[in-house]
Amino acid sequence: MRTKKSIRNAIVTFGTQIINILLTFIGRTVFNLMLGEQCLGINTVFTQTLTVLSLAELGFGSAIIYSMYKPLADGDEAKLKALMELYKKAYLIVAAVITLLSLPLIPFLYVLTKGEDGGQNLTIIYLLYVLNTVVTYLYAYKRSIIIADQNMHIVTLYQYILTSIQQIVQVVFLYLTKSFILYLVIQIIVNFLINYLISKKAEEMYPYLKKKEKTQLDSETKNTIFRNIKAMFMHRVGDVAMNSTDSLILSAFTGVVNAGFYGNYKLILSAINGILSQIFNSVIASIGNMGAKESTEKIHNTYLAINFIGFWIYSFCTICLFTLLNPFITIWMGEGSLFSIGVVFLMCANFYMTGMRRATLIFRDAMGLFWYDRYKAIVECVMNLILSIAFVQKIGIAGIFFGTILSMAFVSAWVEPYILYKYGLKRRVSEFGIYYCIYTAATVIAGAATWFLAQKVRQAGIIGLIIRAVICVFVPNIIYLIFFWKTKEFQYFWNVLKKILKK
């Protein structure tokens, strides 16, 4: 049942994300044509600014979802209702805190955009971004019980159907009115509708959530939740520092236009990462359910299998991105929007390192091991900011991504697996190190072969891009099949695939 639900969640996620990505590319292209590169940069900067302010969420969602696994497995409706009441109160407070934290930044908006406003009223635009962020916390808490109950595909369908409608409507109104403000108003309305409709679906699936009587959580559960919240807040700080401050540093030191160019690359990287993250996140609830019922040995074997498939997918995507990013952006936005191949390499290396952490992080979250590596995030945050700011002044744009890679390599790349192996899997972490080295060596070999062959392609434009894409599809996967065909991890997924095809 766990495998079936995970596969269903992953398939729905993959299908809806592909459609959403296509619409997002169309929307960004129209946005750039109608409003220009400066507005594109403002969009990137304000989005990342509100991501930083969303630290107020404290990682409450992950802590609450972890607390739901056992009561869901046991059918404890009273405890689930109490958890949802706590979650509701927390998110209302978070919405208020984000609003209050956002207001003092208004006098500094021109500093964030380095004096460039794209002909827009920055204050109104910024306040609409704030409202869009705050709206996401209204009714959002009810989606957590659906996700924790291994039904993430339901949330995904609601989210991406409505988001797709939003993007179509935004494109039409951008073309007709060229209004940045109307573009954001549409986004706010749809965000509200997504959370409202998902909350109604949750009430339909779990009718006890509508009961009026109040239920109280026991002190042990409360203490565990608030302990995990403290840890998750630190993790949230680290995540924001690694993923959301690059655009702000880029804008502050090199200008809002470069931030807009980076936004184009980030859109592609985030789109791919979004698909993969959602697919991997679709198994978290199943792993949480497994952690509540199964032996450490079974969890360990499942981890090795998911870590292997994570390597294959992220390695393959990294090679494709490195080979195809600049040719694609040349066709999409023109040669004037390109970064150097050295900068692209660093962005792709960052993508690979982040992806190789995915399996470890989903098992950490599913097993509730937030507390043990809580200081890791703060150390990584400080190191990333110091190194990125130092290097951007020395070597330019590449320095931002180089600083991020160094901070990740020195901190999270080894601390996270150490915590999982010591406190979760109860094994020596040296096993992880051996696998990581083997997988990275395979990535370098496959990447070098793919890049070498792709450079032989002389055709430009769409034909050249297609030929390079065909090389990217076949070369790495053939090499990985040769290297890993006989491993138990590959055979595990091969057997799962055969069972699916038979059905």
Protein backbone atom coordinates (compact mmCIF):
# COMPACT_ATOMS: atom_id res chain seq x y z
CA MET A 1 0.00 0.00 0.00
CA ARG A 2 2.85 2.43 0.86
CA THR A 3 4.57 1.75 -2.48
CA LYS A 4 1.28 2.15 -4.38
CA LYS A 5 0.52 5.49 -2.74
CA SER A 6 4.07 6.76 -3.31
CA ILE A 7 3.94 5.84 -7.01
CA ARG A 8 0.51 7.44 -7.42
CA ASN A 9 1.70 10.64 -5.73
CA ALA A 10 4.83 10.73 -7.90
CA ILE A 11 2.96 10.14 -11.20
CA VAL A 12 0.37 12.85 -10.51
CA THR A 13 3.12 15.26 -9.43
CA PHE A 14 5.21 14.62 -12.53
CA GLY A 15 2.33 15.08 -14.96
CA THR A 16 1.00 18.27 -13.41
CA GLN A 17 4.47 19.78 -13.03
CA ILE A 18 5.29 19.31 -16.72
CA ILE A 19 2.17 21.24 -17.75
CA ASN A 20 2.88 23.89 -15.12
CA ILE A 21 6.47 24.34 -16.32
CA LEU A 22 5.38 24.90 -19.92
CA LEU A 23 2.87 27.52 -18.83
CA THR A 24 5.45 29.15 -16.54
CA PHE A 25 7.90 29.54 -19.44
CA ILE A 26 5.20 31.07 -21.62
CA GLY A 27 4.21 33.40 -18.76
CA ARG A 28 7.79 34.54 -18.11
CA THR A 29 8.39 35.13 -21.82
CA VAL A 30 5.26 37.31 -22.09
CA PHE A 31 6.19 39.06 -18.81
CA ASN A 32 9.62 39.94 -20.22
CA LEU A 33 8.19 41.13 -23.55
CA MET A 34 5.41 43.24 -22.00
CA LEU A 35 7.16 44.68 -18.92
CA GLY A 36 10.91 44.42 -19.67
CA GLU A 37 14.05 43.14 -17.99
CA GLN A 38 13.93 45.59 -15.06
CA CYS A 39 10.48 44.38 -13.99
CA LEU A 40 11.72 40.82 -14.39
CA GLY A 41 14.53 41.66 -11.98
CA ILE A 42 12.12 43.34 -9.53
CA ASN A 43 9.97 40.19 -9.62
CA THR A 44 13.01 38.06 -8.75
CA VAL A 45 14.23 40.37 -5.95
CA PHE A 46 10.85 40.82 -4.26
CA THR A 47 10.05 37.11 -4.50
CA GLN A 48 13.31 36.24 -2.75
CA THR A 49 12.82 39.02 -0.17
CA LEU A 50 9.47 37.55 0.86
CA THR A 51 11.02 34.10 0.93
CA VAL A 52 13.46 35.41 3.53
CA LEU A 53 10.60 36.95 5.55
CA SER A 54 8.79 33.60 5.42
CA LEU A 55 11.34 32.38 7.96
CA ALA A 56 8.62 33.42 10.39
CA GLU A 57 6.93 30.12 9.50
CA LEU A 58 9.64 28.51 11.67
CA GLY A 59 9.32 25.14 9.93
CA PHE A 60 6.09 24.56 11.83
CA GLY A 61 4.62 22.56 8.93
CA SER A 62 7.30 19.85 8.95
CA ALA A 63 7.11 19.46 12.72
CA ILE A 64 3.31 19.12 12.71
CA ILE A 65 3.25 16.69 9.76
CA TYR A 66 5.80 14.47 11.51
CA SER A 67 3.57 14.48 14.61
CA MET A 68 0.63 13.23 12.51
CA TYR A 69 2.20 10.00 11.23
CA LYS A 70 1.58 7.93 14.36
CA PRO A 71 -1.97 9.15 15.15
CA LEU A 72 -2.91 8.58 11.49
CA ALA A 73 -1.53 5.04 11.66
CA ASP A 74 -3.42 4.49 14.95
CA GLY A 75 -6.66 6.21 13.86
CA ASP A 76 -6.45 8.69 16.79
CA GLU A 77 -8.95 11.33 15.57
CA ALA A 78 -8.94 13.36 18.79
CA LYS A 79 -5.18 13.90 18.66
CA LEU A 80 -5.28 14.77 14.95
CA LYS A 81 -7.96 17.40 15.56
CA ALA A 82 -5.91 18.89 18.40
CA LEU A 83 -2.83 19.03 16.15
CA MET A 84 -4.81 20.82 13.46
CA GLU A 85 -6.11 23.40 15.96
CA LEU A 86 -2.55 24.12 17.06
CA TYR A 87 -1.45 24.40 13.43
CA LYS A 88 -4.28 26.86 12.65
CA LYS A 89 -3.33 29.18 15.51
CA ALA A 90 0.34 29.04 14.54
CA TYR A 91 -0.28 29.98 10.91
CA LEU A 92 -2.49 32.94 11.82
CA ILE A 93 0.34 34.22 14.02
CA VAL A 94 2.84 33.62 11.21
CA ALA A 95 0.71 35.65 8.76
CA ALA A 96 0.60 38.56 11.22
CA VAL A 97 4.36 38.40 11.91
CA ILE A 98 5.27 38.38 8.20
CA THR A 99 3.06 41.44 7.66
CA LEU A 100 4.74 43.32 10.53
CA LEU A 101 8.27 42.34 9.44
CA SER A 102 7.66 43.40 5.84
CA LEU A 103 6.60 46.99 6.57
CA PRO A 104 9.98 48.36 7.81
CA LEU A 105 11.56 47.35 4.47
CA ILE A 106 9.44 49.77 2.44
CA PRO A 107 11.88 52.75 2.75
CA PHE A 108 14.71 50.51 1.45
CA LEU A 109 13.04 49.14 -1.69
CA TYR A 110 15.21 51.25 -4.01
CA VAL A 111 18.31 49.93 -2.23
CA LEU A 112 17.19 46.34 -2.89
CA THR A 113 16.66 47.12 -6.58
CA LYS A 114 19.73 49.39 -6.83
CA GLY A 115 17.57 52.38 -7.79
CA GLU A 116 15.85 50.69 -10.75
CA ASP A 117 12.04 50.64 -10.69
CA GLY A 118 11.12 49.64 -14.24
CA GLY A 119 8.57 52.46 -14.35
CA GLN A 120 6.57 50.89 -11.51
CA ASN A 121 5.37 52.09 -8.12
CA LEU A 122 7.66 49.89 -6.04
CA THR A 123 5.69 50.37 -2.82
CA ILE A 124 2.40 49.12 -4.27
CA ILE A 125 4.14 46.24 -6.08
CA TYR A 126 5.97 45.23 -2.90
CA LEU A 127 2.81 45.35 -0.75
CA LEU A 128 1.05 43.10 -3.26
CA TYR A 129 3.92 40.60 -2.95
CA VAL A 130 3.50 40.77 0.84
CA LEU A 131 -0.25 40.17 0.55
CA ASN A 132 0.38 37.24 -1.80
CA THR A 133 2.69 35.66 0.78
CA VAL A 134 0.33 36.26 3.70
CA VAL A 135 -2.62 34.76 1.80
CA THR A 136 -0.72 31.46 1.47
CA TYR A 137 -1.03 30.97 5.24
CA LEU A 138 -4.83 31.28 5.30
CA TYR A 139 -6.48 27.83 5.33
CA ALA A 140 -3.13 26.27 4.35
CA TYR A 141 -2.82 24.27 7.56
CA LYS A 142 -5.53 21.76 6.51
CA ARG A 143 -3.50 20.46 3.59
CA SER A 144 -1.02 18.96 6.06
CA ILE A 145 -3.31 16.12 7.14
CA ILE A 146 -3.89 15.12 3.49
CA ILE A 147 -0.12 15.06 2.87
CA ALA A 148 0.64 13.17 6.08
CA ASP A 149 -1.98 10.55 5.12
CA GLN A 150 0.00 9.72 1.94
CA ASN A 151 -2.46 11.53 -0.35
CA MET A 152 -0.23 14.29 -1.64
CA HIS A 153 -1.57 13.71 -5.18
CA ILE A 154 -4.86 15.34 -4.11
CA VAL A 155 -3.12 18.53 -2.97
CA THR A 156 -0.98 18.49 -6.13
CA LEU A 157 -4.00 18.28 -8.45
CA TYR A 158 -5.78 21.22 -6.80
CA GLN A 159 -2.62 23.30 -6.73
CA TYR A 160 -1.48 22.79 -10.29
CA ILE A 161 -4.89 22.91 -11.98
CA LEU A 162 -5.60 26.30 -10.38
CA THR A 163 -2.04 27.53 -10.93
CA SER A 164 -2.30 26.61 -14.62
CA ILE A 165 -5.53 28.60 -14.90
CA GLN A 166 -3.81 31.49 -13.11
CA GLN A 167 -0.90 31.53 -15.56
CA ILE A 168 -3.18 31.47 -18.61
CA VAL A 169 -5.26 34.37 -17.25
CA GLN A 170 -2.09 36.30 -16.32
CA VAL A 171 -0.68 35.92 -19.83
CA VAL A 172 -3.91 37.15 -21.41
CA PHE A 173 -4.17 40.20 -19.12
CA LEU A 174 -0.46 41.02 -19.47
CA TYR A 175 -0.83 41.01 -23.23
CA LEU A 176 -3.97 43.17 -23.09
CA THR A 177 -3.09 45.62 -20.31
CA LYS A 178 0.69 45.40 -19.61
CA SER A 179 -0.23 45.86 -15.94
CA PHE A 180 2.18 44.50 -13.31
CA ILE A 181 -0.37 45.27 -10.59
CA LEU A 182 -3.19 43.32 -12.25
CA TYR A 183 -0.76 40.43 -12.82
CA LEU A 184 -0.14 40.25 -9.05
CA VAL A 185 -3.82 40.67 -8.10
CA ILE A 186 -4.70 37.59 -10.19
CA GLN A 187 -1.96 35.64 -8.41
CA ILE A 188 -3.27 36.65 -4.97
CA ILE A 189 -6.84 35.60 -5.79
CA VAL A 190 -5.77 32.19 -7.09
CA ASN A 191 -3.49 31.54 -4.09
CA PHE A 192 -6.42 32.17 -1.79
CA LEU A 193 -8.68 29.86 -3.81
CA ILE A 194 -6.10 27.04 -3.79
CA ASN A 195 -5.89 26.95 0.00
CA TYR A 196 -9.65 27.45 0.50
CA LEU A 197 -10.61 24.58 -1.81
CA ILE A 198 -7.98 22.22 -0.36
CA SER A 199 -9.27 23.01 3.14
CA LYS A 200 -12.81 22.08 2.06
CA LYS A 201 -11.50 18.82 0.59
CA ALA A 202 -9.73 18.05 3.88
CA GLU A 203 -13.00 18.58 5.79
CA GLU A 204 -14.73 16.23 3.35
CA MET A 205 -12.07 13.52 3.78
CA TYR A 206 -11.76 13.94 7.57
CA PRO A 207 -15.22 15.03 8.85
CA TYR A 208 -14.06 15.07 12.48
CA LEU A 209 -12.11 18.27 11.69
CA LYS A 210 -15.46 20.13 11.59
CA LYS A 211 -16.52 19.06 15.08
CA LYS A 212 -16.92 22.00 17.45
CA GLU A 213 -15.64 20.45 20.66
CA LYS A 214 -12.14 21.46 21.69
CA THR A 215 -9.45 18.85 22.27
CA GLN A 216 -6.16 19.34 24.09
CA LEU A 217 -2.75 17.94 23.25
CA ASP A 218 -0.87 16.12 25.96
CA SER A 219 2.21 17.88 27.33
CA GLU A 220 4.64 15.31 25.89
CA THR A 221 3.36 15.86 22.33
CA LYS A 222 3.49 19.65 22.78
CA ASN A 223 7.04 19.50 24.08
CA THR A 224 8.12 17.31 21.14
CA ILE A 225 6.48 19.64 18.62
CA PHE A 226 8.01 22.82 20.05
CA ARG A 227 11.40 21.12 20.32
CA ASN A 228 11.18 20.20 16.64
CA ILE A 229 9.99 23.71 15.75
CA LYS A 230 13.13 25.20 17.32
CA ALA A 231 15.24 22.85 15.23
CA MET A 232 13.25 23.40 12.04
CA PHE A 233 13.54 27.18 12.39
CA MET A 234 17.30 26.80 12.22
CA HIS A 235 16.95 24.53 9.20
CA ARG A 236 14.69 27.10 7.54
CA VAL A 237 17.34 29.78 8.07
CA GLY A 238 19.90 27.55 6.38
CA ASP A 239 17.61 26.76 3.45
CA VAL A 240 16.82 30.42 2.85
CA ALA A 241 20.47 31.40 3.05
CA MET A 242 21.41 28.72 0.53
CA ASN A 243 18.53 29.18 -1.91
CA SER A 244 17.10 32.68 -1.60
CA THR A 245 19.87 35.16 -0.84
CA ASP A 246 21.83 34.67 -4.09
CA SER A 247 19.39 36.89 -6.03
CA LEU A 248 19.54 39.60 -3.37
CA ILE A 249 23.37 39.62 -3.32
CA LEU A 250 23.43 39.59 -7.13
CA SER A 251 21.06 42.56 -7.30
CA ALA A 252 22.86 44.53 -4.59
CA PHE A 253 26.36 44.07 -6.07
CA THR A 254 25.77 43.76 -9.83
CA GLY A 255 22.35 45.32 -10.51
CA VAL A 256 18.73 44.29 -10.90
CA VAL A 257 19.15 43.36 -14.59
CA ASN A 258 21.66 40.62 -13.72
CA ALA A 259 19.23 39.46 -11.05
CA GLY A 260 16.64 39.21 -13.82
CA PHE A 261 19.04 37.19 -16.00
CA TYR A 262 19.70 34.91 -13.05
CA GLY A 263 15.93 34.65 -12.62
CA ASN A 264 15.76 33.04 -16.08
CA TYR A 265 18.31 30.40 -15.11
CA LYS A 266 16.71 29.98 -11.70
CA LEU A 267 13.31 29.47 -13.30
CA ILE A 268 14.67 26.48 -15.23
CA LEU A 269 16.64 25.09 -12.28
CA SER A 270 13.70 25.61 -9.93
CA ALA A 271 11.29 24.03 -12.40
CA ILE A 272 13.39 20.86 -12.65
CA ASN A 273 14.10 20.87 -8.93
CA GLY A 274 10.40 21.45 -8.27
CA ILE A 275 9.44 18.33 -10.21
CA LEU A 276 12.09 16.23 -8.49
CA SER A 277 11.40 17.63 -5.03
CA GLN A 278 7.69 16.94 -5.34
CA ILE A 279 8.35 13.41 -6.56
CA PHE A 280 10.68 12.69 -3.66
CA ASN A 281 8.45 14.51 -1.18
CA SER A 282 5.59 12.27 -2.30
CA VAL A 283 7.26 9.37 -0.47
CA ILE A 284 7.90 11.21 2.83
CA ALA A 285 4.54 10.25 4.33
CA SER A 286 5.09 6.61 3.35
CA ILE A 287 8.53 6.68 4.98
CA GLY A 288 7.02 8.28 8.08
CA ASN A 289 4.44 5.50 8.17
CA MET A 290 7.24 2.96 7.74
CA GLY A 291 9.20 4.54 10.58
CA ALA A 292 6.21 4.09 12.88
CA LYS A 293 5.83 0.39 12.02
CA GLU A 294 8.92 -1.22 10.44
CA SER A 295 12.42 -2.31 11.51
CA THR A 296 15.56 -0.20 11.11
CA GLU A 297 16.93 -2.77 8.65
CA LYS A 298 14.01 -2.31 6.26
CA ILE A 299 14.24 1.47 6.55
CA HIS A 300 17.99 1.29 5.79
CA ASN A 301 17.46 -0.82 2.65
CA THR A 302 14.76 1.58 1.45
CA TYR A 303 17.08 4.53 2.07
CA LEU A 304 19.87 2.98 -0.04
CA ALA A 305 17.42 2.37 -2.89
CA ILE A 306 16.00 5.92 -2.80
CA ASN A 307 19.48 7.44 -2.47
CA PHE A 308 20.54 5.50 -5.58
CA ILE A 309 17.58 6.62 -7.67
CA GLY A 310 18.16 10.15 -6.37
CA PHE A 311 21.74 10.02 -7.64
CA TRP A 312 20.67 8.72 -11.05
CA ILE A 313 17.96 11.34 -11.55
CA TYR A 314 19.87 14.35 -10.20
CA SER A 315 23.10 13.37 -11.93
CA PHE A 316 21.31 12.94 -15.26
CA CYS A 317 19.52 16.29 -14.84
CA THR A 318 22.76 18.05 -13.88
CA ILE A 319 24.48 16.82 -17.04
CA CYS A 320 21.50 17.88 -19.18
CA LEU A 321 21.37 21.32 -17.57
CA PHE A 322 25.09 21.98 -17.98
CA THR A 323 24.96 20.96 -21.64
CA LEU A 324 21.65 22.59 -22.62
CA LEU A 325 21.10 25.66 -20.43
CA ASN A 326 22.94 28.25 -22.51
CA PRO A 327 21.73 26.93 -25.90
CA PHE A 328 18.15 26.98 -24.58
CA ILE A 329 18.36 30.50 -23.10
CA THR A 330 19.95 31.74 -26.35
CA ILE A 331 16.83 30.61 -28.21
CA TRP A 332 14.43 31.73 -25.47
CA MET A 333 15.78 35.14 -24.36
CA GLY A 334 18.72 35.86 -26.69
CA GLU A 335 22.51 35.81 -26.31
CA GLY A 336 22.44 39.04 -24.30
CA SER A 337 20.86 37.15 -21.39
CA LEU A 338 23.61 34.53 -21.05
CA PHE A 339 26.02 33.91 -18.19
CA SER A 340 29.49 32.46 -18.88
CA ILE A 341 29.92 28.69 -18.99
CA GLY A 342 31.93 28.90 -15.76
CA VAL A 343 28.97 30.46 -13.93
CA VAL A 344 26.64 27.84 -15.45
CA PHE A 345 28.98 25.07 -14.25
CA LEU A 346 28.85 26.42 -10.68
CA MET A 347 25.05 26.70 -10.79
CA CYS A 348 24.81 23.10 -12.00
CA ALA A 349 27.30 21.89 -9.37
CA ASN A 350 25.12 23.56 -6.73
CA PHE A 351 22.06 21.82 -8.23
CA TYR A 352 23.82 18.44 -8.08
CA MET A 353 25.02 18.83 -4.49
CA THR A 354 21.58 19.95 -3.35
CA GLY A 355 19.97 17.01 -5.14
CA MET A 356 22.37 14.49 -3.62
CA ARG A 357 21.12 15.58 -0.19
CA ARG A 358 17.50 14.86 -1.10
CA ALA A 359 17.21 11.23 0.06
CA THR A 360 18.98 12.00 3.34
CA LEU A 361 16.71 14.96 4.06
CA ILE A 362 13.44 13.18 3.35
CA PHE A 363 14.46 10.35 5.70
CA ARG A 364 15.58 12.87 8.33
CA ASP A 365 12.21 14.65 8.12
CA ALA A 366 10.19 11.43 8.03
CA MET A 367 12.06 10.07 11.07
CA GLY A 368 11.83 13.36 12.98
CA LEU A 369 15.59 13.88 13.38
CA PHE A 370 15.38 17.69 13.13
CA TRP A 371 16.93 18.39 16.50
CA TYR A 372 20.31 16.74 16.10
CA ASP A 373 21.67 18.90 13.27
CA ARG A 374 19.93 22.16 14.19
CA TYR A 375 23.14 24.21 14.52
CA LYS A 376 24.34 23.02 11.13
CA ALA A 377 21.90 25.35 9.39
CA ILE A 378 23.06 28.47 11.27
CA VAL A 379 26.74 27.74 10.61
CA GLU A 380 25.98 27.14 6.94
CA CYS A 381 23.92 30.33 6.73
CA VAL A 382 26.68 32.54 8.13
CA MET A 383 29.39 30.85 6.06
CA ASN A 384 27.36 31.17 2.86
CA LEU A 385 26.69 34.89 3.30
CA ILE A 386 30.31 35.70 4.20
CA LEU A 387 31.83 33.65 1.36
CA SER A 388 29.32 34.76 -1.29
CA ILE A 389 29.73 38.47 -0.48
CA ALA A 390 33.53 38.12 -0.32
CA PHE A 391 33.83 36.21 -3.60
CA VAL A 392 31.35 38.34 -5.58
CA GLN A 393 33.63 41.32 -4.96
CA LYS A 394 36.67 39.35 -6.09
CA ILE A 395 35.49 37.31 -9.08
CA GLY A 396 32.05 38.70 -9.87
CA ILE A 397 28.86 36.71 -10.40
CA ALA A 398 30.63 33.34 -10.20
CA GLY A 399 31.74 34.18 -6.66
CA ILE A 400 28.16 34.03 -5.33
CA PHE A 401 27.67 30.45 -6.45
CA PHE A 402 31.20 29.44 -5.49
CA GLY A 403 30.55 30.64 -1.94
CA THR A 404 27.31 28.65 -1.78
CA ILE A 405 29.05 25.47 -2.97
CA LEU A 406 31.88 25.82 -0.46
CA SER A 407 29.53 26.36 2.47
CA MET A 408 27.47 23.33 1.44
CA ALA A 409 30.57 21.15 1.04
CA PHE A 410 32.02 22.15 4.41
CA VAL A 411 28.79 21.76 6.39
CA SER A 412 25.58 20.07 5.21
CA ALA A 413 27.13 17.59 2.75
CA TRP A 414 28.59 15.56 5.63
CA VAL A 415 26.64 16.64 8.75
CA GLU A 416 23.23 15.54 7.41
CA PRO A 417 24.21 11.95 6.52
CA TYR A 418 26.16 11.67 9.78
CA ILE A 419 23.02 12.52 11.79
CA LEU A 420 20.82 10.17 9.77
CA TYR A 421 23.23 7.25 10.06
CA LYS A 422 23.98 7.76 13.74
CA TYR A 423 20.51 8.48 15.13
CA GLY A 424 18.19 7.05 12.47
CA LEU A 425 19.78 4.13 10.64
CA LYS A 426 22.16 3.19 13.50
CA ARG A 427 25.08 2.50 11.13
CA ARG A 428 28.52 3.81 10.27
CA VAL A 429 28.38 6.90 8.06
CA SER A 430 31.45 5.72 6.09
CA GLU A 431 29.01 3.67 3.98
CA PHE A 432 27.41 6.91 2.77
CA GLY A 433 30.82 8.39 1.94
CA ILE A 434 31.74 5.42 -0.24
CA TYR A 435 28.46 5.62 -2.16
CA TYR A 436 28.79 9.40 -2.59
CA CYS A 437 32.29 9.10 -4.06
CA ILE A 438 31.22 6.34 -6.47
CA TYR A 439 28.16 8.27 -7.61
CA THR A 440 30.09 11.54 -8.07
CA ALA A 441 32.84 9.77 -10.05
CA ALA A 442 30.17 8.27 -12.32
CA THR A 443 28.64 11.73 -12.78
CA VAL A 444 32.00 13.25 -13.78
CA ILE A 445 32.69 10.46 -16.29
CA ALA A 446 29.20 10.57 -17.83
CA GLY A 447 29.20 14.38 -17.82
CA ALA A 448 32.59 14.65 -19.52
CA ALA A 449 31.57 12.16 -22.23
CA THR A 450 28.27 13.96 -22.85
CA TRP A 451 29.87 17.41 -22.98
CA PHE A 452 32.61 16.19 -25.36
CA LEU A 453 30.06 14.76 -27.82
CA ALA A 454 27.72 17.77 -27.51
CA GLN A 455 30.57 20.12 -28.41
CA LYS A 456 30.93 18.30 -31.73
CA VAL A 457 27.46 19.52 -32.74
CA ARG A 458 27.85 22.47 -35.11
CA GLN A 459 24.19 23.24 -35.76
CA ALA A 460 22.74 26.26 -33.98
CA GLY A 461 19.17 27.05 -32.98
CA ILE A 462 16.43 24.53 -32.25
CA ILE A 463 17.96 21.75 -34.41
CA GLY A 464 21.25 21.99 -32.53
CA LEU A 465 19.41 21.99 -29.19
CA ILE A 466 17.47 18.84 -30.14
CA ILE A 467 20.63 16.99 -31.23
CA ARG A 468 22.38 17.92 -27.96
CA ALA A 469 19.30 16.84 -26.01
CA VAL A 470 19.35 13.41 -27.70
CA ILE A 471 23.02 13.04 -26.74
CA CYS A 472 22.15 14.00 -23.15
CA VAL A 473 19.35 11.43 -22.98
CA PHE A 474 21.38 8.47 -24.23
CA VAL A 475 25.02 8.91 -23.16
CA PRO A 476 24.67 9.27 -19.34
CA ASN A 477 21.96 6.61 -19.06
CA ILE A 478 23.92 4.06 -21.10
CA ILE A 479 26.99 4.69 -18.93
CA TYR A 480 24.93 4.30 -15.73
CA LEU A 481 23.36 1.08 -16.99
CA ILE A 482 26.83 -0.34 -17.65
CA PHE A 483 28.11 0.76 -14.22
CA PHE A 484 25.13 -0.12 -12.02
CA TRP A 485 23.11 -2.88 -13.74
CA LYS A 486 24.14 -5.59 -11.27
CA THR A 487 23.79 -3.54 -8.06
CA LYS A 488 21.01 -4.46 -5.64
CA GLU A 489 19.73 -0.88 -5.69
CA PHE A 490 19.21 -0.94 -9.47
CA GLN A 491 17.63 -4.39 -9.36
CA TYR A 492 15.21 -3.19 -6.66
CA PHE A 493 13.84 -0.44 -8.92
CA TRP A 494 13.95 -2.68 -11.98
CA ASN A 495 11.70 -5.18 -10.20
CA VAL A 496 9.32 -2.41 -9.09
CA LEU A 497 9.15 -1.14 -12.70
CA LYS A 498 8.38 -4.64 -14.03
CA LYS A 499 5.54 -5.02 -11.53
CA ILE A 500 4.06 -1.67 -12.59
CA LEU A 501 4.27 -2.60 -16.28
CA LYS A 502 2.57 -5.94 -15.64
CA LYS A 503 -0.32 -4.17 -13.90
